[in-house]
C-alpha atoms as a PDB file:
ATOM      1  CA  MET A   1      11.696 -59.738  -7.421  1.00  0.00           C
ATOM      2  CA  ILE A   2      14.787 -58.637  -8.323  1.00  0.00           C
ATOM      3  CA  PHE A   3      16.123 -58.422 -11.943  1.00  0.00           C
ATOM      4  CA  ALA A   4      19.665 -60.083 -11.885  1.00  0.00           C
ATOM      5  CA  ALA A   5      20.053 -61.437 -14.964  1.00  0.00           C
ATOM      6  CA  GLY A   6      21.700 -59.166 -17.232  1.00  0.00           C
ATOM      7  CA  LEU A   7      25.158 -59.279 -19.343  1.00  0.00           C
ATOM      8  CA  GLY A   8      26.742 -55.884 -17.492  1.00  0.00           C
ATOM      9  CA  GLU A   9      28.099 -55.077 -21.166  1.00  0.00           C
ATOM     10  CA  ARG A  10      28.749 -51.443 -20.157  1.00  0.00           C
ATOM     11  CA  LEU A  11      30.637 -52.901 -17.080  1.00  0.00           C
ATOM     12  CA  ARG A  12      33.198 -55.269 -18.683  1.00  0.00           C
ATOM     13  CA  PRO A  13      35.489 -56.365 -18.370  1.00  0.00           C
ATOM     14  CA  ILE A  14      34.933 -57.128 -15.039  1.00  0.00           C
ATOM     15  CA  THR A  15      31.830 -58.407 -15.826  1.00  0.00           C
ATOM     16  CA  SER A  16      33.277 -60.714 -18.125  1.00  0.00           C
ATOM     17  CA  ARG A  17      34.314 -63.077 -14.591  1.00  0.00           C
ATOM     18  CA  LEU A  18      31.925 -61.493 -12.208  1.00  0.00           C
ATOM     19  CA  PRO A  19      27.604 -60.935 -12.561  1.00  0.00           C
ATOM     20  CA  LYS A  20      26.763 -57.521 -12.464  1.00  0.00           C
ATOM     21  CA  ALA A  21      24.750 -58.255  -9.250  1.00  0.00           C
ATOM     22  CA  LEU A  22      28.038 -59.193  -7.579  1.00  0.00           C
ATOM     23  CA  VAL A  23      29.951 -56.062  -8.598  1.00  0.00           C
ATOM     24  CA  PRO A  24      31.168 -53.927  -5.219  1.00  0.00           C
ATOM     25  CA  VAL A  25      29.684 -50.565  -4.627  1.00  0.00           C
ATOM     26  CA  ALA A  26      31.344 -48.942  -1.572  1.00  0.00           C
ATOM     27  CA  GLY A  27      32.061 -52.226  -0.314  1.00  0.00           C
ATOM     28  CA  ARG A  28      29.280 -54.277  -0.878  1.00  0.00           C
ATOM     29  CA  PRO A  29      28.000 -56.141  -4.065  1.00  0.00           C
ATOM     30  CA  MET A  30      25.662 -54.363  -5.876  1.00  0.00           C
ATOM     31  CA  ILE A  31      22.814 -56.719  -5.096  1.00  0.00           C
ATOM     32  CA  ASP A  32      23.248 -56.072  -1.387  1.00  0.00           C
ATOM     33  CA  TYR A  33      21.398 -52.705  -1.478  1.00  0.00           C
ATOM     34  CA  PRO A  34      17.750 -53.855  -3.019  1.00  0.00           C
ATOM     35  CA  LEU A  35      17.983 -56.536  -0.665  1.00  0.00           C
ATOM     36  CA  ALA A  36      18.558 -54.175   2.179  1.00  0.00           C
ATOM     37  CA  LEU A  37      15.589 -51.788   0.829  1.00  0.00           C
ATOM     38  CA  LEU A  38      12.921 -55.040   1.014  1.00  0.00           C
ATOM     39  CA  ARG A  39      14.353 -56.570   4.113  1.00  0.00           C
ATOM     40  CA  HIS A  40      13.993 -53.260   5.971  1.00  0.00           C
ATOM     41  CA  TYR A  41      10.126 -52.860   4.861  1.00  0.00           C
ATOM     42  CA  GLY A  42       9.721 -56.606   5.890  1.00  0.00           C
ATOM     43  CA  ILE A  43       9.743 -58.003   2.361  1.00  0.00           C
ATOM     44  CA  ARG A  44      11.467 -61.311   2.992  1.00  0.00           C
ATOM     45  CA  ASP A  45      10.154 -63.990   0.372  1.00  0.00           C
ATOM     46  CA  ILE A  46      12.312 -62.830  -2.998  1.00  0.00           C
ATOM     47  CA  VAL A  47      12.681 -64.323  -6.368  1.00  0.00           C
ATOM     48  CA  ILE A  48      16.044 -63.095  -8.587  1.00  0.00           C
ATOM     49  CA  ASN A  49      16.211 -64.114 -11.728  1.00  0.00           C
ATOM     50  CA  LEU A  50      19.412 -65.473 -13.433  1.00  0.00           C
ATOM     51  CA  HIS A  51      21.115 -65.829 -16.621  1.00  0.00           C
ATOM     52  CA  HIS A  52      24.774 -64.664 -17.044  1.00  0.00           C
ATOM     53  CA  LEU A  53      27.043 -66.019 -14.167  1.00  0.00           C
ATOM     54  CA  GLY A  54      24.338 -66.459 -12.008  1.00  0.00           C
ATOM     55  CA  GLU A  55      25.286 -69.418 -10.270  1.00  0.00           C
ATOM     56  CA  GLN A  56      27.912 -67.059  -8.478  1.00  0.00           C
ATOM     57  CA  ILE A  57      24.768 -64.918  -7.279  1.00  0.00           C
ATOM     58  CA  GLU A  58      23.385 -68.300  -5.994  1.00  0.00           C
ATOM     59  CA  ALA A  59      26.620 -69.381  -4.304  1.00  0.00           C
ATOM     60  CA  TYR A  60      26.684 -65.994  -2.671  1.00  0.00           C
ATOM     61  CA  LEU A  61      23.423 -65.730  -1.322  1.00  0.00           C
ATOM     62  CA  GLY A  62      22.072 -69.098  -1.103  1.00  0.00           C
ATOM     63  CA  ASN A  63      18.619 -69.455   0.055  1.00  0.00           C
ATOM     64  CA  GLY A  64      18.750 -66.265   1.689  1.00  0.00           C
ATOM     65  CA  ALA A  65      18.830 -67.579   5.591  1.00  0.00           C
ATOM     66  CA  ALA A  66      22.069 -65.793   6.454  1.00  0.00           C
ATOM     67  CA  GLN A  67      20.509 -62.360   5.348  1.00  0.00           C
ATOM     68  CA  GLY A  68      17.038 -63.278   7.010  1.00  0.00           C
ATOM     69  CA  LEU A  69      15.345 -63.711   3.741  1.00  0.00           C
ATOM     70  CA  SER A  70      13.694 -66.445   1.668  1.00  0.00           C
ATOM     71  CA  ILE A  71      15.142 -66.591  -1.766  1.00  0.00           C
ATOM     72  CA  VAL A  72      14.172 -68.985  -4.659  1.00  0.00           C
ATOM     73  CA  TYR A  73      15.537 -68.259  -8.315  1.00  0.00           C
ATOM     74  CA  SER A  74      14.054 -67.995 -11.507  1.00  0.00           C
ATOM     75  CA  ARG A  75      17.003 -69.123 -14.195  1.00  0.00           C
ATOM     76  CA  GLU A  76      16.704 -68.015 -17.839  1.00  0.00           C
ATOM     77  CA  ASP A  77      18.414 -70.468 -20.371  1.00  0.00           C
ATOM     78  CA  GLU A  78      18.368 -67.419 -22.514  1.00  0.00           C
ATOM     79  CA  LEU A  79      17.717 -63.669 -21.763  1.00  0.00           C
ATOM     80  CA  LEU A  80      13.855 -63.122 -21.601  1.00  0.00           C
ATOM     81  CA  ASP A  81      13.777 -59.059 -20.899  1.00  0.00           C
ATOM     82  CA  THR A  82      12.022 -57.915 -18.199  1.00  0.00           C
ATOM     83  CA  GLY A  83       8.590 -58.756 -19.447  1.00  0.00           C
ATOM     84  CA  GLY A  84       9.948 -62.357 -20.388  1.00  0.00           C
ATOM     85  CA  GLY A  85      11.553 -62.441 -16.901  1.00  0.00           C
ATOM     86  CA  LEU A  86       8.343 -61.769 -14.856  1.00  0.00           C
ATOM     87  CA  LEU A  87       6.574 -64.173 -16.735  1.00  0.00           C
ATOM     88  CA  LYS A  88       8.890 -67.274 -16.380  1.00  0.00           C
ATOM     89  CA  ALA A  89       8.546 -66.186 -12.618  1.00  0.00           C
ATOM     90  CA  LYS A  90       4.980 -66.165 -12.620  1.00  0.00           C
ATOM     91  CA  PRO A  91       4.870 -69.317 -10.385  1.00  0.00           C
ATOM     92  CA  TYR A  92       5.969 -67.294  -7.243  1.00  0.00           C
ATOM     93  CA  LEU A  93       4.322 -64.273  -8.310  1.00  0.00           C
ATOM     94  CA  GLN A  94       0.633 -64.729  -9.163  1.00  0.00           C
ATOM     95  CA  ASP A  95      -0.935 -64.795  -5.853  1.00  0.00           C
ATOM     96  CA  ASP A  96      -0.281 -61.305  -4.362  1.00  0.00           C
ATOM     97  CA  ARG A  97       0.969 -57.992  -5.190  1.00  0.00           C
ATOM     98  CA  PHE A  98       4.662 -57.821  -5.503  1.00  0.00           C
ATOM     99  CA  VAL A  99       7.525 -55.349  -5.699  1.00  0.00           C
ATOM    100  CA  VAL A 100      10.353 -55.665  -8.862  1.00  0.00           C
ATOM    101  CA  ILE A 101      13.570 -53.678  -8.493  1.00  0.00           C
ATOM    102  CA  ASN A 102      16.446 -53.560 -10.897  1.00  0.00           C
ATOM    103  CA  THR A 103      19.581 -54.629  -9.723  1.00  0.00           C
ATOM    104  CA  ASP A 104      21.601 -51.597 -10.846  1.00  0.00           C
ATOM    105  CA  VAL A 105      19.728 -49.092  -9.230  1.00  0.00           C
ATOM    106  CA  LEU A 106      20.797 -47.315  -6.047  1.00  0.00           C
ATOM    107  CA  ILE A 107      17.774 -45.486  -4.272  1.00  0.00           C
ATOM    108  CA  ASP A 108      16.728 -43.972  -1.232  1.00  0.00           C
ATOM    109  CA  LEU A 109      13.146 -44.675  -1.432  1.00  0.00           C
ATOM    110  CA  PRO A 110      10.460 -44.877   0.988  1.00  0.00           C
ATOM    111  CA  LEU A 111       8.865 -48.070  -0.096  1.00  0.00           C
ATOM    112  CA  ALA A 112       6.049 -47.864   2.235  1.00  0.00           C
ATOM    113  CA  ALA A 113       4.929 -44.627   0.762  1.00  0.00           C
ATOM    114  CA  LEU A 114       4.940 -46.250  -2.717  1.00  0.00           C
ATOM    115  CA  VAL A 115       2.888 -48.909  -1.344  1.00  0.00           C
ATOM    116  CA  ASP A 116       0.670 -47.034   0.073  1.00  0.00           C
ATOM    117  CA  PHE A 117       0.143 -45.064  -2.796  1.00  0.00           C
ATOM    118  CA  HIS A 118      -0.475 -48.226  -4.953  1.00  0.00           C
ATOM    119  CA  GLN A 119      -3.501 -49.349  -2.374  1.00  0.00           C
ATOM    120  CA  ARG A 120      -5.097 -46.053  -2.401  1.00  0.00           C
ATOM    121  CA  ASN A 121      -4.937 -45.778  -5.780  1.00  0.00           C
ATOM    122  CA  ARG A 122      -5.984 -49.272  -6.543  1.00  0.00           C
ATOM    123  CA  ALA A 123      -3.527 -49.201  -9.439  1.00  0.00           C
ATOM    124  CA  ALA A 124      -2.391 -52.300 -11.152  1.00  0.00           C
ATOM    125  CA  ALA A 125       0.883 -51.053 -11.727  1.00  0.00           C
ATOM    126  CA  THR A 126       2.721 -48.206  -9.755  1.00  0.00           C
ATOM    127  CA  LEU A 127       6.382 -46.914 -11.036  1.00  0.00           C
ATOM    128  CA  ALA A 128       8.529 -44.927  -9.330  1.00  0.00           C
ATOM    129  CA  VAL A 129       9.310 -42.076 -11.298  1.00  0.00           C
ATOM    130  CA  ARG A 130      11.773 -38.922 -11.202  1.00  0.00           C
ATOM    131  CA  PRO A 131      12.109 -35.949 -12.899  1.00  0.00           C
ATOM    132  CA  ASP A 132      15.294 -35.691 -15.487  1.00  0.00           C
ATOM    133  CA  PRO A 133      16.027 -33.072 -17.752  1.00  0.00           C
ATOM    134  CA  PHE A 134      17.204 -36.424 -20.095  1.00  0.00           C
ATOM    135  CA  ALA A 135      13.986 -38.227 -19.418  1.00  0.00           C
ATOM    136  CA  ASP A 136      13.645 -38.566 -23.518  1.00  0.00           C
ATOM    137  CA  GLN A 137      16.570 -40.287 -24.186  1.00  0.00           C
ATOM    138  CA  PHE A 138      15.388 -43.375 -22.200  1.00  0.00           C
ATOM    139  CA  GLY A 139      12.105 -43.377 -22.668  1.00  0.00           C
ATOM    140  CA  SER A 140       9.968 -40.706 -20.717  1.00  0.00           C
ATOM    141  CA  MET A 141       6.215 -40.563 -19.375  1.00  0.00           C
ATOM    142  CA  GLU A 142       3.697 -37.952 -18.211  1.00  0.00           C
ATOM    143  CA  VAL A 143       1.276 -38.229 -15.065  1.00  0.00           C
ATOM    144  CA  ASP A 144      -1.681 -35.966 -14.477  1.00  0.00           C
ATOM    145  CA  GLU A 145      -2.496 -34.444 -10.984  1.00  0.00           C
ATOM    146  CA  SER A 146      -3.525 -37.500  -8.855  1.00  0.00           C
ATOM    147  CA  GLY A 147      -0.528 -39.647 -10.600  1.00  0.00           C
ATOM    148  CA  ARG A 148      -2.347 -41.726 -12.996  1.00  0.00           C
ATOM    149  CA  ILE A 149      -0.025 -42.085 -16.426  1.00  0.00           C
ATOM    150  CA  GLU A 150      -1.233 -40.264 -19.068  1.00  0.00           C
ATOM    151  CA  ARG A 151       1.477 -41.170 -21.327  1.00  0.00           C
ATOM    152  CA  PHE A 152       3.857 -44.124 -21.787  1.00  0.00           C
ATOM    153  CA  LEU A 153       6.713 -43.439 -24.585  1.00  0.00           C
ATOM    154  CA  GLN A 154       4.326 -42.818 -27.577  1.00  0.00           C
ATOM    155  CA  VAL A 155       0.961 -44.504 -26.076  1.00  0.00           C
ATOM    156  CA  HIS A 156      -1.665 -42.145 -24.378  1.00  0.00           C
ATOM    157  CA  ARG A 157      -4.385 -43.296 -22.374  1.00  0.00           C
ATOM    158  CA  PRO A 158      -7.558 -43.235 -23.679  1.00  0.00           C
ATOM    159  CA  ASN A 159      -9.812 -40.006 -23.093  1.00  0.00           C
ATOM    160  CA  ALA A 160      -6.546 -38.125 -21.747  1.00  0.00           C
ATOM    161  CA  ILE A 161      -7.033 -34.586 -21.833  1.00  0.00           C
ATOM    162  CA  PRO A 162      -3.968 -33.026 -23.643  1.00  0.00           C
ATOM    163  CA  ALA A 163      -1.705 -30.659 -21.384  1.00  0.00           C
ATOM    164  CA  ALA A 164       1.657 -29.491 -21.091  1.00  0.00           C
ATOM    165  CA  ARG A 165       3.319 -31.927 -18.340  1.00  0.00           C
ATOM    166  CA  GLU A 166       6.565 -32.533 -16.863  1.00  0.00           C
ATOM    167  CA  LYS A 167       8.245 -35.344 -18.471  1.00  0.00           C
ATOM    168  CA  LEU A 168       9.327 -38.205 -15.746  1.00  0.00           C
ATOM    169  CA  MET A 169      11.421 -41.053 -15.991  1.00  0.00           C
ATOM    170  CA  PHE A 170      11.180 -44.461 -14.489  1.00  0.00           C
ATOM    171  CA  THR A 171      13.653 -45.124 -11.465  1.00  0.00           C
ATOM    172  CA  GLY A 172      13.532 -49.318 -11.810  1.00  0.00           C
ATOM    173  CA  VAL A 173      11.226 -49.735  -8.707  1.00  0.00           C
ATOM    174  CA  GLN A 174       7.723 -50.717  -9.079  1.00  0.00           C
ATOM    175  CA  ILE A 175       4.783 -52.373  -7.932  1.00  0.00           C
ATOM    176  CA  LEU A 176       2.480 -55.016  -9.661  1.00  0.00           C
ATOM    177  CA  GLU A 177      -0.610 -56.732  -9.607  1.00  0.00           C
ATOM    178  CA  PRO A 178      -0.573 -59.874 -10.506  1.00  0.00           C
ATOM    179  CA  ARG A 179      -3.278 -59.000 -13.497  1.00  0.00           C
ATOM    180  CA  ILE A 180      -0.112 -57.719 -15.151  1.00  0.00           C
ATOM    181  CA  PHE A 181       0.000 -61.324 -16.424  1.00  0.00           C
ATOM    182  CA  ASP A 182      -3.128 -61.378 -18.134  1.00  0.00           C
ATOM    183  CA  TYR A 183      -1.666 -58.711 -21.130  1.00  0.00           C
ATOM    184  CA  MET A 184       1.581 -60.924 -21.479  1.00  0.00           C
ATOM    185  CA  PRO A 185       1.601 -63.872 -23.844  1.00  0.00           C
ATOM    186  CA  PRO A 186       0.654 -67.604 -22.691  1.00  0.00           C
ATOM    187  CA  PRO A 187       3.578 -68.879 -20.982  1.00  0.00           C
ATOM    188  CA  ASP A 188       3.817 -72.183 -23.529  1.00  0.00           C
ATOM    189  CA  ARG A 189       4.675 -69.105 -26.077  1.00  0.00           C
ATOM    190  CA  GLN A 190       6.996 -67.481 -23.747  1.00  0.00           C
ATOM    191  CA  LYS A 191       9.327 -65.237 -25.570  1.00  0.00           C
ATOM    192  CA  LYS A 192      11.662 -62.034 -24.920  1.00  0.00           C
ATOM    193  CA  PHE A 193       9.928 -58.986 -24.404  1.00  0.00           C
ATOM    194  CA  GLY A 194      10.149 -56.013 -22.217  1.00  0.00           C
ATOM    195  CA  THR A 195       7.393 -54.517 -19.853  1.00  0.00           C
ATOM    196  CA  THR A 196       8.154 -51.075 -20.647  1.00  0.00           C
ATOM    197  CA  LYS A 197       7.591 -51.657 -24.996  1.00  0.00           C
ATOM    198  CA  ASP A 198       5.321 -54.115 -24.970  1.00  0.00           C
ATOM    199  CA  THR A 199       2.878 -54.726 -21.650  1.00  0.00           C
ATOM    200  CA  TYR A 200       2.405 -51.464 -20.109  1.00  0.00           C
ATOM    201  CA  PRO A 201       1.172 -49.430 -23.528  1.00  0.00           C
ATOM    202  CA  ARG A 202      -0.939 -52.734 -23.845  1.00  0.00           C
ATOM    203  CA  MET A 203      -2.205 -52.020 -20.010  1.00  0.00           C
ATOM    204  CA  LEU A 204      -2.625 -48.423 -20.569  1.00  0.00           C
ATOM    205  CA  THR A 205      -4.295 -48.622 -23.832  1.00  0.00           C
ATOM    206  CA  SER A 206      -6.949 -51.012 -22.321  1.00  0.00           C
ATOM    207  CA  GLY A 207      -7.897 -48.446 -19.615  1.00  0.00           C
ATOM    208  CA  GLU A 208      -5.807 -50.214 -16.681  1.00  0.00           C
ATOM    209  CA  PRO A 209      -5.064 -47.630 -13.840  1.00  0.00           C
ATOM    210  CA  LEU A 210      -1.332 -47.362 -14.040  1.00  0.00           C
ATOM    211  CA  TYR A 211       0.274 -44.891 -11.408  1.00  0.00           C
ATOM    212  CA  GLY A 212       3.588 -42.945 -11.106  1.00  0.00           C
ATOM    213  CA  PHE A 213       4.661 -42.205  -7.608  1.00  0.00           C
ATOM    214  CA  ARG A 214       6.931 -38.987  -8.145  1.00  0.00           C
ATOM    215  CA  PHE A 215      10.431 -39.707  -6.091  1.00  0.00           C
ATOM    216  CA  ASP A 216      12.835 -36.774  -5.595  1.00  0.00           C
ATOM    217  CA  GLY A 217      15.230 -38.226  -3.484  1.00  0.00           C
ATOM    218  CA  TYR A 218      18.618 -40.034  -4.293  1.00  0.00           C
ATOM    219  CA  TRP A 219      18.697 -42.246  -7.135  1.00  0.00           C
ATOM    220  CA  GLN A 220      21.700 -43.443  -8.919  1.00  0.00           C
ATOM    221  CA  ASP A 221      21.800 -46.100 -11.768  1.00  0.00           C
ATOM    222  CA  LEU A 222      24.900 -48.280 -11.234  1.00  0.00           C
ATOM    223  CA  GLY A 223      25.159 -49.706 -15.427  1.00  0.00           C
ATOM    224  CA  THR A 224      28.861 -48.182 -15.770  1.00  0.00           C
ATOM    225  CA  GLU A 225      31.961 -47.868 -13.926  1.00  0.00           C
ATOM    226  CA  GLN A 226      31.867 -43.922 -13.580  1.00  0.00           C
ATOM    227  CA  ARG A 227      27.852 -44.254 -12.397  1.00  0.00           C
ATOM    228  CA  VAL A 228      29.157 -46.649  -9.752  1.00  0.00           C
ATOM    229  CA  ALA A 229      32.115 -44.463  -8.870  1.00  0.00           C
ATOM    230  CA  ALA A 230      29.400 -41.154  -8.228  1.00  0.00           C
ATOM    231  CA  ALA A 231      27.384 -43.509  -6.252  1.00  0.00           C
ATOM    232  CA  GLU A 232      30.352 -44.553  -3.991  1.00  0.00           C
ATOM    233  CA  GLN A 233      31.335 -41.143  -3.692  1.00  0.00           C
ATOM    234  CA  SER A 234      28.110 -39.805  -2.908  1.00  0.00           C
ATOM    235  CA  LEU A 235      27.681 -42.650  -0.086  1.00  0.00           C
ATOM    236  CA  ALA A 236      30.920 -41.342   1.053  1.00  0.00           C
ATOM    237  CA  GLN A 237      29.681 -38.017   1.801  1.00  0.00           C
ATOM    238  CA  ALA A 238      27.816 -37.311   4.717  1.00  0.00           C
ATOM    239  CA  THR A 239      24.926 -35.629   2.948  1.00  0.00           C
ATOM    240  CA  THR A 240      23.692 -38.991   1.220  1.00  0.00           C
ATOM    241  CA  ARG A 241      22.877 -41.541   3.545  1.00  0.00           C
ATOM    242  CA  LEU A 242      20.676 -44.495   2.568  1.00  0.00           C
ATOM    243  CA  HIS A 243      17.874 -44.991   5.251  1.00  0.00           C
ATOM    244  CA  TYR A 244      17.678 -48.549   5.176  1.00  0.00           C
ATOM    245  CA  LEU A 245      21.049 -49.757   5.769  1.00  0.00           C
ATOM    246  CA  SER A 246      22.169 -50.586   9.039  1.00  0.00           C
END
């Protein structure tokens, strides 16, 4: 699933007429990058949630056939945040593990290694995480030596052993098992809620195995014009290359 329903407020005025997913980054609509990453690793069935100017995204991608994909859309009449967005898309996701990626993230992630790490640990959720000196500003977490999450925001895993640990930040890419839906409200009481503030803390305190896959490679948030410009500058340099782009 690709999250593409956001308003893109930090990218205004361009997002007043264009959805964030279609904002150009180095000559490509932003959403092309997560789609290319998924396609490179053989993931062809994609769910995209839509809200702000979503009809433009649907007109651009259609059913995905032109990109060798099969795309369906989960339309949100009102923004449901990450948890509510996943819950609305549950009919497409409930039968097997799935990948979730934020549209506004540019990352050179070895996705197969992330999936392998998730499977080996029999995790309920595995988040690709990275060290960041400003992690606390965005919501930090800590993992133990095996990668199991010990602290998520202000919530600690039961029986966690206190220790000085590196603070890590979520990159916007994750692998989830369908049982994440067990920790969400019933669909008939669907509401706006976030996975990071509501669902993951509930899973952590229940003893579910949540893991963080440490990633030290190239990553760039694309939420502002300045960050888009930084990404374009990096891509223009020979030292930065996204391995999944043809």
